[in-house]
C-alpha cells in the first residue's frame, strides 16, 4: 500500500507561494496543476480548494480526492519537483475515478510522468 508521508506535503505559505510564483501551470476542467522544479530536493505536493467551491465539508472532500489521486500515482511521477493541485468548481460534482483521470491528463501535459511508466 502506498502512503503519503507528511514530510512529502507542502505545508507552509512560503512553499505554496514559491510554487505559485515560480512554477508553470496547466489546467483542465477540474484541476489546475502548478509545477516547480525543485532541483536537489525531494518531491512534494500541495492541495488547495478555495472558498468559491463551497463550505468546509466540500473543500475538504476536494482535497481528499486530490490527495488520493496523487497518492495512488506518486510512483510514476518524476522526482525533484514540487507540485500544487487546485480544485475548480466543476470538480465538486465528480467522483474519484474522474478526478484521478484529470490528474493524470494534467501530468502528461506537464511532462511530470516518467517515460518508463507510460
PDB file of N, CA and C in Angstrom:
ATOM      1  N   UNK A   1       0.835  -1.185   0.000  1.00  0.00           N
ATOM      2  CA  UNK A   1       0.000   0.000   0.000  1.00  0.00           C
ATOM      3  C   UNK A   1       0.882   1.252   0.000  1.00  0.00           C
ATOM      4  N   UNK A   2       0.578   2.158  -0.873  1.00  0.00           N
ATOM      5  CA  UNK A   2       1.327   3.407  -0.955  1.00  0.00           C
ATOM      6  C   UNK A   2       0.865   4.363   0.132  1.00  0.00           C
ATOM      7  N   UNK A   3       1.812   5.071   0.702  1.00  0.00           N
ATOM      8  CA  UNK A   3       1.482   6.061   1.716  1.00  0.00           C
ATOM      9  C   UNK A   3       1.919   7.436   1.240  1.00  0.00           C
ATOM     10  N   UNK A   4       1.375   8.443   1.864  1.00  0.00           N
ATOM     11  CA  UNK A   4       1.759   9.826   1.578  1.00  0.00           C
ATOM     12  C   UNK A   4       2.238  10.440   2.888  1.00  0.00           C
ATOM     13  N   UNK A   5       3.562  10.346   3.160  1.00  0.00           N
ATOM     14  CA  UNK A   5       4.071  10.866   4.426  1.00  0.00           C
ATOM     15  C   UNK A   5       3.947  12.383   4.511  1.00  0.00           C
ATOM     16  N   UNK A   6       3.805  12.887   5.725  1.00  0.00           N
ATOM     17  CA  UNK A   6       3.628  14.324   5.946  1.00  0.00           C
ATOM     18  C   UNK A   6       4.807  15.141   5.462  1.00  0.00           C
ATOM     19  N   UNK A   7       5.998  14.555   5.476  1.00  0.00           N
ATOM     20  CA  UNK A   7       7.174  15.297   5.010  1.00  0.00           C
ATOM     21  C   UNK A   7       7.139  15.525   3.504  1.00  0.00           C
ATOM     22  N   UNK A   8       6.259  14.837   2.788  1.00  0.00           N
ATOM     23  CA  UNK A   8       6.123  14.973   1.343  1.00  0.00           C
ATOM     24  C   UNK A   8       4.985  15.905   0.934  1.00  0.00           C
ATOM     25  N   UNK A   9       4.398  16.627   1.886  1.00  0.00           N
ATOM     26  CA  UNK A   9       3.295  17.531   1.593  1.00  0.00           C
ATOM     27  C   UNK A   9       3.749  18.969   1.834  1.00  0.00           C
ATOM     28  N   UNK A  10       3.430  19.848   0.887  1.00  0.00           N
ATOM     29  CA  UNK A  10       3.721  21.278   1.069  1.00  0.00           C
ATOM     30  C   UNK A  10       2.818  21.781   2.186  1.00  0.00           C
ATOM     31  N   UNK A  11       3.392  22.398   3.196  1.00  0.00           N
ATOM     32  CA  UNK A  11       2.604  22.799   4.353  1.00  0.00           C
ATOM     33  C   UNK A  11       2.520  24.305   4.571  1.00  0.00           C
ATOM     34  N   UNK A  12       3.650  24.982   4.475  1.00  0.00           N
ATOM     35  CA  UNK A  12       3.615  26.392   4.868  1.00  0.00           C
ATOM     36  C   UNK A  12       3.374  27.322   3.681  1.00  0.00           C
ATOM     37  N   UNK A  13       2.981  28.521   3.995  1.00  0.00           N
ATOM     38  CA  UNK A  13       2.600  29.514   2.991  1.00  0.00           C
ATOM     39  C   UNK A  13       3.757  29.858   2.054  1.00  0.00           C
ATOM     40  N   UNK A  14       4.955  29.905   2.577  1.00  0.00           N
ATOM     41  CA  UNK A  14       6.128  30.244   1.774  1.00  0.00           C
ATOM     42  C   UNK A  14       6.329  29.236   0.638  1.00  0.00           C
ATOM     43  N   UNK A  15       6.168  27.968   0.934  1.00  0.00           N
ATOM     44  CA  UNK A  15       6.316  26.933  -0.097  1.00  0.00           C
ATOM     45  C   UNK A  15       5.222  27.051  -1.160  1.00  0.00           C
ATOM     46  N   UNK A  16       3.984  27.278  -0.714  1.00  0.00           N
ATOM     47  CA  UNK A  16       2.882  27.443  -1.654  1.00  0.00           C
ATOM     48  C   UNK A  16       3.142  28.634  -2.579  1.00  0.00           C
ATOM     49  N   UNK A  17       3.569  29.746  -1.999  1.00  0.00           N
ATOM     50  CA  UNK A  17       3.814  30.952  -2.788  1.00  0.00           C
ATOM     51  C   UNK A  17       4.944  30.750  -3.796  1.00  0.00           C
ATOM     52  N   UNK A  18       5.961  29.996  -3.407  1.00  0.00           N
ATOM     53  CA  UNK A  18       7.068  29.740  -4.319  1.00  0.00           C
ATOM     54  C   UNK A  18       6.583  28.951  -5.539  1.00  0.00           C
ATOM     55  N   UNK A  19       5.744  27.958  -5.318  1.00  0.00           N
ATOM     56  CA  UNK A  19       5.216  27.166  -6.427  1.00  0.00           C
ATOM     57  C   UNK A  19       4.296  28.017  -7.296  1.00  0.00           C
ATOM     58  N   UNK A  20       3.435  28.844  -6.668  1.00  0.00           N
ATOM     59  CA  UNK A  20       2.539  29.725  -7.420  1.00  0.00           C
ATOM     60  C   UNK A  20       3.316  30.699  -8.301  1.00  0.00           C
ATOM     61  N   UNK A  21       4.320  31.356  -7.726  1.00  0.00           N
ATOM     62  CA  UNK A  21       5.021  32.432  -8.430  1.00  0.00           C
ATOM     63  C   UNK A  21       6.044  31.940  -9.436  1.00  0.00           C
ATOM     64  N   UNK A  22       6.800  30.894  -9.089  1.00  0.00           N
ATOM     65  CA  UNK A  22       7.906  30.467  -9.936  1.00  0.00           C
ATOM     66  C   UNK A  22       7.592  29.254 -10.795  1.00  0.00           C
ATOM     67  N   UNK A  23       6.484  28.576 -10.507  1.00  0.00           N
ATOM     68  CA  UNK A  23       6.148  27.372 -11.253  1.00  0.00           C
ATOM     69  C   UNK A  23       5.334  27.656 -12.495  1.00  0.00           C
ATOM     70  N   UNK A  24       5.219  26.647 -13.344  1.00  0.00           N
ATOM     71  CA  UNK A  24       4.366  26.724 -14.530  1.00  0.00           C
ATOM     72  C   UNK A  24       3.037  26.079 -14.203  1.00  0.00           C
ATOM     73  N   UNK A  25       2.001  26.455 -14.939  1.00  0.00           N
ATOM     74  CA  UNK A  25       0.681  25.895 -14.652  1.00  0.00           C
ATOM     75  C   UNK A  25       0.050  25.290 -15.890  1.00  0.00           C
ATOM     76  N   UNK A  26      -0.754  24.274 -15.652  1.00  0.00           N
ATOM     77  CA  UNK A  26      -1.568  23.623 -16.658  1.00  0.00           C
ATOM     78  C   UNK A  26      -2.941  23.426 -16.050  1.00  0.00           C
ATOM     79  N   UNK A  27      -3.967  23.459 -16.875  1.00  0.00           N
ATOM     80  CA  UNK A  27      -5.321  23.363 -16.333  1.00  0.00           C
ATOM     81  C   UNK A  27      -6.204  22.524 -17.245  1.00  0.00           C
ATOM     82  N   UNK A  28      -7.203  21.917 -16.643  1.00  0.00           N
ATOM     83  CA  UNK A  28      -8.288  21.303 -17.380  1.00  0.00           C
ATOM     84  C   UNK A  28      -9.587  21.679 -16.679  1.00  0.00           C
ATOM     85  N   UNK A  29     -10.649  21.024 -16.981  1.00  0.00           N
ATOM     86  CA  UNK A  29     -11.951  21.412 -16.440  1.00  0.00           C
ATOM     87  C   UNK A  29     -12.023  21.304 -14.907  1.00  0.00           C
ATOM     88  N   UNK A  30     -11.335  20.331 -14.334  1.00  0.00           N
ATOM     89  CA  UNK A  30     -11.481  20.036 -12.913  1.00  0.00           C
ATOM     90  C   UNK A  30     -10.333  20.537 -12.034  1.00  0.00           C
ATOM     91  N   UNK A  31      -9.137  20.640 -12.591  1.00  0.00           N
ATOM     92  CA  UNK A  31      -7.956  20.942 -11.774  1.00  0.00           C
ATOM     93  C   UNK A  31      -7.045  21.961 -12.453  1.00  0.00           C
ATOM     94  N   UNK A  32      -6.250  22.625 -11.631  1.00  0.00           N
ATOM     95  CA  UNK A  32      -5.117  23.415 -12.097  1.00  0.00           C
ATOM     96  C   UNK A  32      -3.886  22.804 -11.437  1.00  0.00           C
ATOM     97  N   UNK A  33      -2.863  22.536 -12.227  1.00  0.00           N
ATOM     98  CA  UNK A  33      -1.636  21.925 -11.726  1.00  0.00           C
ATOM     99  C   UNK A  33      -0.497  22.924 -11.877  1.00  0.00           C
ATOM    100  N   UNK A  34       0.158  23.256 -10.774  1.00  0.00           N
ATOM    101  CA  UNK A  34       1.353  24.111 -10.783  1.00  0.00           C
ATOM    102  C   UNK A  34       2.547  23.202 -10.520  1.00  0.00           C
ATOM    103  N   UNK A  35       3.594  23.346 -11.321  1.00  0.00           N
ATOM    104  CA  UNK A  35       4.795  22.525 -11.168  1.00  0.00           C
ATOM    105  C   UNK A  35       6.002  23.434 -11.063  1.00  0.00           C
ATOM    106  N   UNK A  36       6.804  23.205 -10.020  1.00  0.00           N
ATOM    107  CA  UNK A  36       8.022  23.963  -9.774  1.00  0.00           C
ATOM    108  C   UNK A  36       9.185  22.974  -9.695  1.00  0.00           C
ATOM    109  N   UNK A  37      10.194  23.090 -10.568  1.00  0.00           N
ATOM    110  CA  UNK A  37      11.327  22.172 -10.491  1.00  0.00           C
ATOM    111  C   UNK A  37      12.190  22.496  -9.268  1.00  0.00           C
ATOM    112  N   UNK A  38      12.229  21.594  -8.321  1.00  0.00           N
ATOM    113  CA  UNK A  38      12.980  21.789  -7.076  1.00  0.00           C
ATOM    114  C   UNK A  38      14.233  20.916  -7.130  1.00  0.00           C
ATOM    115  N   UNK A  39      15.225  21.381  -7.838  1.00  0.00           N
ATOM    116  CA  UNK A  39      16.447  20.616  -8.058  1.00  0.00           C
ATOM    117  C   UNK A  39      17.144  20.357  -6.722  1.00  0.00           C
ATOM    118  N   UNK A  40      17.479  19.099  -6.497  1.00  0.00           N
ATOM    119  CA  UNK A  40      18.168  18.721  -5.274  1.00  0.00           C
ATOM    120  C   UNK A  40      17.251  18.489  -4.081  1.00  0.00           C
ATOM    121  N   UNK A  41      15.964  18.656  -4.256  1.00  0.00           N
ATOM    122  CA  UNK A  41      15.014  18.444  -3.165  1.00  0.00           C
ATOM    123  C   UNK A  41      14.073  17.304  -3.525  1.00  0.00           C
ATOM    124  N   UNK A  42      13.472  16.698  -2.500  1.00  0.00           N
ATOM    125  CA  UNK A  42      12.549  15.598  -2.792  1.00  0.00           C
ATOM    126  C   UNK A  42      11.201  16.133  -3.275  1.00  0.00           C
ATOM    127  N   UNK A  43      10.469  15.267  -3.937  1.00  0.00           N
ATOM    128  CA  UNK A  43       9.164  15.644  -4.479  1.00  0.00           C
ATOM    129  C   UNK A  43       8.183  15.934  -3.341  1.00  0.00           C
ATOM    130  N   UNK A  44       7.444  17.032  -3.499  1.00  0.00           N
ATOM    131  CA  UNK A  44       6.412  17.404  -2.537  1.00  0.00           C
ATOM    132  C   UNK A  44       5.165  17.819  -3.292  1.00  0.00           C
ATOM    133  N   UNK A  45       4.030  17.716  -2.631  1.00  0.00           N
ATOM    134  CA  UNK A  45       2.772  18.098  -3.262  1.00  0.00           C
ATOM    135  C   UNK A  45       1.929  18.890  -2.281  1.00  0.00           C
ATOM    136  N   UNK A  46       1.175  19.840  -2.818  1.00  0.00           N
ATOM    137  CA  UNK A  46       0.237  20.622  -2.022  1.00  0.00           C
ATOM    138  C   UNK A  46      -1.135  20.557  -2.674  1.00  0.00           C
ATOM    139  N   UNK A  47      -2.160  20.763  -1.875  1.00  0.00           N
ATOM    140  CA  UNK A  47      -3.532  20.641  -2.347  1.00  0.00           C
ATOM    141  C   UNK A  47      -4.330  21.831  -1.831  1.00  0.00           C
ATOM    142  N   UNK A  48      -5.052  22.493  -2.742  1.00  0.00           N
ATOM    143  CA  UNK A  48      -5.788  23.693  -2.357  1.00  0.00           C
ATOM    144  C   UNK A  48      -7.199  23.654  -2.936  1.00  0.00           C
ATOM    145  N   UNK A  49      -8.127  24.168  -2.134  1.00  0.00           N
ATOM    146  CA  UNK A  49      -9.519  24.286  -2.560  1.00  0.00           C
ATOM    147  C   UNK A  49     -10.035  25.604  -1.983  1.00  0.00           C
ATOM    148  N   UNK A  50     -10.343  26.550  -2.851  1.00  0.00           N
ATOM    149  CA  UNK A  50     -10.769  27.875  -2.417  1.00  0.00           C
ATOM    150  C   UNK A  50     -12.208  27.911  -1.942  1.00  0.00           C
ATOM    151  N   UNK A  51     -12.570  29.012  -1.320  1.00  0.00           N
ATOM    152  CA  UNK A  51     -13.905  29.168  -0.756  1.00  0.00           C
ATOM    153  C   UNK A  51     -15.004  29.224  -1.810  1.00  0.00           C
ATOM    154  N   UNK A  52     -14.637  29.501  -3.058  1.00  0.00           N
ATOM    155  CA  UNK A  52     -15.638  29.528  -4.123  1.00  0.00           C
ATOM    156  C   UNK A  52     -16.244  28.153  -4.379  1.00  0.00           C
ATOM    157  N   UNK A  53     -15.565  27.105  -3.930  1.00  0.00           N
ATOM    158  CA  UNK A  53     -16.067  25.750  -4.155  1.00  0.00           C
ATOM    159  C   UNK A  53     -17.239  25.394  -3.253  1.00  0.00           C
ATOM    160  N   UNK A  54     -17.329  26.040  -2.111  1.00  0.00           N
ATOM    161  CA  UNK A  54     -18.419  25.718  -1.204  1.00  0.00           C
ATOM    162  C   UNK A  54     -17.975  25.761   0.241  1.00  0.00           C
ATOM    163  N   UNK A  55     -18.735  25.060   1.084  1.00  0.00           N
ATOM    164  CA  UNK A  55     -18.442  25.077   2.515  1.00  0.00           C
ATOM    165  C   UNK A  55     -17.230  24.199   2.855  1.00  0.00           C
ATOM    166  N   UNK A  56     -16.887  24.135   4.117  1.00  0.00           N
ATOM    167  CA  UNK A  56     -15.689  23.420   4.556  1.00  0.00           C
ATOM    168  C   UNK A  56     -15.756  21.931   4.223  1.00  0.00           C
ATOM    169  N   UNK A  57     -16.927  21.352   4.326  1.00  0.00           N
ATOM    170  CA  UNK A  57     -17.085  19.932   4.019  1.00  0.00           C
ATOM    171  C   UNK A  57     -16.742  19.678   2.550  1.00  0.00           C
ATOM    172  N   UNK A  58     -17.238  20.508   1.672  1.00  0.00           N
ATOM    173  CA  UNK A  58     -16.973  20.373   0.240  1.00  0.00           C
ATOM    174  C   UNK A  58     -15.497  20.582  -0.071  1.00  0.00           C
ATOM    175  N   UNK A  59     -14.897  21.614   0.508  1.00  0.00           N
ATOM    176  CA  UNK A  59     -13.473  21.882   0.261  1.00  0.00           C
ATOM    177  C   UNK A  59     -12.595  20.742   0.763  1.00  0.00           C
ATOM    178  N   UNK A  60     -12.906  20.202   1.930  1.00  0.00           N
ATOM    179  CA  UNK A  60     -12.124  19.083   2.453  1.00  0.00           C
ATOM    180  C   UNK A  60     -12.280  17.840   1.583  1.00  0.00           C
ATOM    181  N   UNK A  61     -13.472  17.612   1.051  1.00  0.00           N
ATOM    182  CA  UNK A  61     -13.689  16.479   0.152  1.00  0.00           C
ATOM    183  C   UNK A  61     -12.830  16.635  -1.102  1.00  0.00           C
ATOM    184  N   UNK A  62     -12.775  17.840  -1.639  1.00  0.00           N
ATOM    185  CA  UNK A  62     -11.956  18.084  -2.823  1.00  0.00           C
ATOM    186  C   UNK A  62     -10.485  17.789  -2.536  1.00  0.00           C
ATOM    187  N   UNK A  63     -10.007  18.239  -1.385  1.00  0.00           N
ATOM    188  CA  UNK A  63      -8.606  17.992  -1.027  1.00  0.00           C
ATOM    189  C   UNK A  63      -8.349  16.498  -0.820  1.00  0.00           C
ATOM    190  N   UNK A  64      -9.302  15.783  -0.242  1.00  0.00           N
ATOM    191  CA  UNK A  64      -9.156  14.331  -0.075  1.00  0.00           C
ATOM    192  C   UNK A  64      -9.066  13.635  -1.438  1.00  0.00           C
ATOM    193  N   UNK A  65      -9.928  14.034  -2.376  1.00  0.00           N
ATOM    194  CA  UNK A  65      -9.896  13.424  -3.712  1.00  0.00           C
ATOM    195  C   UNK A  65      -8.571  13.710  -4.419  1.00  0.00           C
ATOM    196  N   UNK A  66      -8.080  14.925  -4.309  1.00  0.00           N
ATOM    197  CA  UNK A  66      -6.804  15.266  -4.942  1.00  0.00           C
ATOM    198  C   UNK A  66      -5.653  14.509  -4.293  1.00  0.00           C
ATOM    199  N   UNK A  67      -5.649  14.424  -2.954  1.00  0.00           N
ATOM    200  CA  UNK A  67      -4.599  13.683  -2.251  1.00  0.00           C
ATOM    201  C   UNK A  67      -4.598  12.217  -2.651  1.00  0.00           C
ATOM    202  N   UNK A  68      -5.770  11.621  -2.755  1.00  0.00           N
ATOM    203  CA  UNK A  68      -5.868  10.215  -3.128  1.00  0.00           C
ATOM    204  C   UNK A  68      -5.378   9.995  -4.560  1.00  0.00           C
ATOM    205  N   UNK A  69      -5.729  10.881  -5.471  1.00  0.00           N
ATOM    206  CA  UNK A  69      -5.254  10.768  -6.853  1.00  0.00           C
ATOM    207  C   UNK A  69      -3.734  10.848  -6.909  1.00  0.00           C
ATOM    208  N   UNK A  70      -3.166  11.768  -6.145  1.00  0.00           N
ATOM    209  CA  UNK A  70      -1.706  11.901  -6.093  1.00  0.00           C
ATOM    210  C   UNK A  70      -1.074  10.670  -5.449  1.00  0.00           C
ATOM    211  N   UNK A  71      -1.638  10.227  -4.314  1.00  0.00           N
ATOM    212  CA  UNK A  71      -1.076   9.103  -3.572  1.00  0.00           C
ATOM    213  C   UNK A  71      -0.996   7.842  -4.431  1.00  0.00           C
ATOM    214  N   UNK A  72      -2.054   7.562  -5.185  1.00  0.00           N
ATOM    215  CA  UNK A  72      -2.095   6.347  -5.996  1.00  0.00           C
ATOM    216  C   UNK A  72      -1.112   6.385  -7.157  1.00  0.00           C
ATOM    217  N   UNK A  73      -0.725   7.567  -7.602  1.00  0.00           N
ATOM    218  CA  UNK A  73       0.126   7.699  -8.782  1.00  0.00           C
ATOM    219  C   UNK A  73       1.495   8.305  -8.488  1.00  0.00           C
ATOM    220  N   UNK A  74       1.875   8.412  -7.235  1.00  0.00           N
ATOM    221  CA  UNK A  74       3.115   9.098  -6.898  1.00  0.00           C
ATOM    222  C   UNK A  74       4.365   8.386  -7.411  1.00  0.00           C
ATOM    223  N   UNK A  75       4.305   7.081  -7.585  1.00  0.00           N
ATOM    224  CA  UNK A  75       5.494   6.358  -8.032  1.00  0.00           C
ATOM    225  C   UNK A  75       5.817   6.581  -9.507  1.00  0.00           C
ATOM    226  N   UNK A  76       4.845   7.023 -10.281  1.00  0.00           N
ATOM    227  CA  UNK A  76       5.108   7.234 -11.711  1.00  0.00           C
ATOM    228  C   UNK A  76       5.516   8.681 -12.014  1.00  0.00           C
ATOM    229  N   UNK A  77       5.562   9.530 -10.983  1.00  0.00           N
ATOM    230  CA  UNK A  77       5.927  10.937 -11.183  1.00  0.00           C
ATOM    231  C   UNK A  77       7.432  11.130 -11.070  1.00  0.00           C
ATOM    232  N   UNK A  78       7.934  12.130 -11.781  1.00  0.00           N
ATOM    233  CA  UNK A  78       9.357  12.460 -11.699  1.00  0.00           C
ATOM    234  C   UNK A  78       9.709  12.956 -10.299  1.00  0.00           C
ATOM    235  N   UNK A  79      10.965  12.782  -9.940  1.00  0.00           N
ATOM    236  CA  UNK A  79      11.458  13.300  -8.665  1.00  0.00           C
ATOM    237  C   UNK A  79      11.900  14.753  -8.847  1.00  0.00           C
ATOM    238  N   UNK A  80      12.229  15.389  -7.738  1.00  0.00           N
ATOM    239  CA  UNK A  80      12.757  16.756  -7.709  1.00  0.00           C
ATOM    240  C   UNK A  80      11.795  17.781  -8.301  1.00  0.00           C
ATOM    241  N   UNK A  81      10.521  17.634  -7.987  1.00  0.00           N
ATOM    242  CA  UNK A  81       9.527  18.636  -8.368  1.00  0.00           C
ATOM    243  C   UNK A  81       8.636  18.910  -7.163  1.00  0.00           C
ATOM    244  N   UNK A  82       8.137  20.104  -7.092  1.00  0.00           N
ATOM    245  CA  UNK A  82       7.066  20.442  -6.156  1.00  0.00           C
ATOM    246  C   UNK A  82       5.842  20.698  -7.016  1.00  0.00           C
ATOM    247  N   UNK A  83       4.740  20.128  -6.636  1.00  0.00           N
ATOM    248  CA  UNK A  83       3.536  20.390  -7.400  1.00  0.00           C
ATOM    249  C   UNK A  83       2.397  20.792  -6.490  1.00  0.00           C
ATOM    250  N   UNK A  84       1.494  21.558  -7.062  1.00  0.00           N
ATOM    251  CA  UNK A  84       0.354  22.079  -6.331  1.00  0.00           C
ATOM    252  C   UNK A  84      -0.889  21.817  -7.168  1.00  0.00           C
ATOM    253  N   UNK A  85      -1.877  21.169  -6.572  1.00  0.00           N
ATOM    254  CA  UNK A  85      -3.143  20.891  -7.242  1.00  0.00           C
ATOM    255  C   UNK A  85      -4.212  21.797  -6.657  1.00  0.00           C
ATOM    256  N   UNK A  86      -4.937  22.488  -7.521  1.00  0.00           N
ATOM    257  CA  UNK A  86      -6.004  23.386  -7.100  1.00  0.00           C
ATOM    258  C   UNK A  86      -7.294  22.919  -7.769  1.00  0.00           C
ATOM    259  N   UNK A  87      -8.327  22.700  -6.964  1.00  0.00           N
ATOM    260  CA  UNK A  87      -9.607  22.234  -7.493  1.00  0.00           C
ATOM    261  C   UNK A  87     -10.391  23.390  -8.096  1.00  0.00           C
ATOM    262  N   UNK A  88     -11.155  23.079  -9.143  1.00  0.00           N
ATOM    263  CA  UNK A  88     -12.041  24.054  -9.776  1.00  0.00           C
ATOM    264  C   UNK A  88     -13.490  23.671  -9.486  1.00  0.00           C
ATOM    265  N   UNK A  89     -14.400  24.603  -9.691  1.00  0.00           N
ATOM    266  CA  UNK A  89     -15.808  24.434  -9.352  1.00  0.00           C
ATOM    267  C   UNK A  89     -16.461  23.178  -9.939  1.00  0.00           C
ATOM    268  N   UNK A  90     -16.241  22.820 -11.216  1.00  0.00           N
ATOM    269  CA  UNK A  90     -16.881  21.608 -11.744  1.00  0.00           C
ATOM    270  C   UNK A  90     -16.450  20.321 -11.033  1.00  0.00           C
ATOM    271  N   UNK A  91     -15.306  20.341 -10.345  1.00  0.00           N
ATOM    272  CA  UNK A  91     -14.809  19.147  -9.657  1.00  0.00           C
ATOM    273  C   UNK A  91     -15.688  18.743  -8.476  1.00  0.00           C
ATOM    274  N   UNK A  92     -16.515  19.663  -7.984  1.00  0.00           N
ATOM    275  CA  UNK A  92     -17.356  19.383  -6.822  1.00  0.00           C
ATOM    276  C   UNK A  92     -18.294  18.215  -7.094  1.00  0.00           C
ATOM    277  N   UNK A  93     -18.721  18.047  -8.332  1.00  0.00           N
ATOM    278  CA  UNK A  93     -19.724  17.036  -8.659  1.00  0.00           C
ATOM    279  C   UNK A  93     -19.137  15.692  -9.099  1.00  0.00           C
ATOM    280  N   UNK A  94     -17.808  15.544  -9.131  1.00  0.00           N
ATOM    281  CA  UNK A  94     -17.225  14.315  -9.675  1.00  0.00           C
ATOM    282  C   UNK A  94     -16.794  13.346  -8.587  1.00  0.00           C
ATOM    283  N   UNK A  95     -16.622  12.089  -8.993  1.00  0.00           N
ATOM    284  CA  UNK A  95     -16.154  11.024  -8.111  1.00  0.00           C
ATOM    285  C   UNK A  95     -14.648  10.819  -8.319  1.00  0.00           C
ATOM    286  N   UNK A  96     -14.076   9.923  -7.518  1.00  0.00           N
ATOM    287  CA  UNK A  96     -12.634   9.686  -7.509  1.00  0.00           C
ATOM    288  C   UNK A  96     -12.058   9.287  -8.872  1.00  0.00           C
ATOM    289  N   UNK A  97     -12.641   8.365  -9.630  1.00  0.00           N
ATOM    290  CA  UNK A  97     -12.008   7.992 -10.907  1.00  0.00           C
ATOM    291  C   UNK A  97     -11.887   9.156 -11.894  1.00  0.00           C
ATOM    292  N   UNK A  98     -12.855  10.042 -11.907  1.00  0.00           N
ATOM    293  CA  UNK A  98     -12.801  11.202 -12.800  1.00  0.00           C
ATOM    294  C   UNK A  98     -11.695  12.158 -12.358  1.00  0.00           C
ATOM    295  N   UNK A  99     -11.573  12.357 -11.048  1.00  0.00           N
ATOM    296  CA  UNK A  99     -10.518  13.227 -10.516  1.00  0.00           C
ATOM    297  C   UNK A  99      -9.145  12.646 -10.825  1.00  0.00           C
ATOM    298  N   UNK A 100      -8.999  11.343 -10.692  1.00  0.00           N
ATOM    299  CA  UNK A 100      -7.717  10.704 -10.971  1.00  0.00           C
ATOM    300  C   UNK A 100      -7.358  10.825 -12.453  1.00  0.00           C
ATOM    301  N   UNK A 101      -8.326  10.636 -13.338  1.00  0.00           N
ATOM    302  CA  UNK A 101      -8.090  10.786 -14.775  1.00  0.00           C
ATOM    303  C   UNK A 101      -7.685  12.226 -15.107  1.00  0.00           C
ATOM    304  N   UNK A 102      -8.336  13.200 -14.470  1.00  0.00           N
ATOM    305  CA  UNK A 102      -7.986  14.604 -14.698  1.00  0.00           C
ATOM    306  C   UNK A 102      -6.554  14.880 -14.242  1.00  0.00           C
ATOM    307  N   UNK A 103      -6.160  14.316 -13.104  1.00  0.00           N
ATOM    308  CA  UNK A 103      -4.795  14.493 -12.603  1.00  0.00           C
ATOM    309  C   UNK A 103      -3.778  13.878 -13.567  1.00  0.00           C
ATOM    310  N   UNK A 104      -4.037  12.669 -14.050  1.00  0.00           N
ATOM    311  CA  UNK A 104      -3.109  12.007 -14.960  1.00  0.00           C
ATOM    312  C   UNK A 104      -3.017  12.743 -16.299  1.00  0.00           C
ATOM    313  N   UNK A 105      -4.130  13.275 -16.785  1.00  0.00           N
ATOM    314  CA  UNK A 105      -4.105  14.058 -18.018  1.00  0.00           C
ATOM    315  C   UNK A 105      -3.217  15.289 -17.865  1.00  0.00           C
ATOM    316  N   UNK A 106      -3.353  15.973 -16.728  1.00  0.00           N
ATOM    317  CA  UNK A 106      -2.507  17.147 -16.487  1.00  0.00           C
ATOM    318  C   UNK A 106      -1.043  16.741 -16.322  1.00  0.00           C
ATOM    319  N   UNK A 107      -0.813  15.605 -15.682  1.00  0.00           N
ATOM    320  CA  UNK A 107       0.560  15.113 -15.527  1.00  0.00           C
ATOM    321  C   UNK A 107       1.229  14.862 -16.865  1.00  0.00           C
ATOM    322  N   UNK A 108       0.470  14.334 -17.823  1.00  0.00           N
ATOM    323  CA  UNK A 108       1.018  14.114 -19.162  1.00  0.00           C
ATOM    324  C   UNK A 108       1.297  15.444 -19.867  1.00  0.00           C
ATOM    325  N   UNK A 109       0.370  16.382 -19.739  1.00  0.00           N
ATOM    326  CA  UNK A 109       0.572  17.707 -20.356  1.00  0.00           C
ATOM    327  C   UNK A 109       1.812  18.387 -19.790  1.00  0.00           C
ATOM    328  N   UNK A 110       1.992  18.276 -18.468  1.00  0.00           N
ATOM    329  CA  UNK A 110       3.102  18.947 -17.793  1.00  0.00           C
ATOM    330  C   UNK A 110       4.403  18.164 -17.896  1.00  0.00           C
ATOM    331  N   UNK A 111       4.338  16.964 -18.456  1.00  0.00           N
ATOM    332  CA  UNK A 111       5.513  16.099 -18.610  1.00  0.00           C
ATOM    333  C   UNK A 111       6.168  15.788 -17.254  1.00  0.00           C
ATOM    334  N   UNK A 112       5.358  15.447 -16.270  1.00  0.00           N
ATOM    335  CA  UNK A 112       5.913  15.057 -14.970  1.00  0.00           C
ATOM    336  C   UNK A 112       5.794  13.556 -14.737  1.00  0.00           C
ATOM    337  N   UNK A 113       5.236  12.848 -15.716  1.00  0.00           N
ATOM    338  CA  UNK A 113       5.130  11.388 -15.611  1.00  0.00           C
ATOM    339  C   UNK A 113       6.348  10.778 -16.275  1.00  0.00           C
ATOM    340  N   UNK A 114       6.987   9.853 -15.564  1.00  0.00           N
ATOM    341  CA  UNK A 114       8.199   9.215 -16.094  1.00  0.00           C
ATOM    342  C   UNK A 114       7.877   8.481 -17.382  1.00  0.00           C
ATOM    343  N   UNK A 115       8.834   8.453 -18.291  1.00  0.00           N
ATOM    344  CA  UNK A 115       8.655   7.820 -19.603  1.00  0.00           C
ATOM    345  C   UNK A 115       8.429   6.322 -19.486  1.00  0.00           C
ATOM    346  N   UNK A 116       9.148   5.663 -18.583  1.00  0.00           N
ATOM    347  CA  UNK A 116       9.026   4.199 -18.454  1.00  0.00           C
ATOM    348  C   UNK A 116       7.669   3.797 -17.862  1.00  0.00           C
ATOM    349  N   UNK A 117       6.956   4.750 -17.260  1.00  0.00           N
ATOM    350  CA  UNK A 117       5.650   4.441 -16.665  1.00  0.00           C
ATOM    351  C   UNK A 117       4.538   4.455 -17.699  1.00  0.00           C
ATOM    352  N   UNK A 118       4.747   5.093 -18.831  1.00  0.00           N
ATOM    353  CA  UNK A 118       3.688   5.205 -19.845  1.00  0.00           C
ATOM    354  C   UNK A 118       3.602   4.005 -20.737  1.00  0.00           C
TER     355      UNK A 118
END
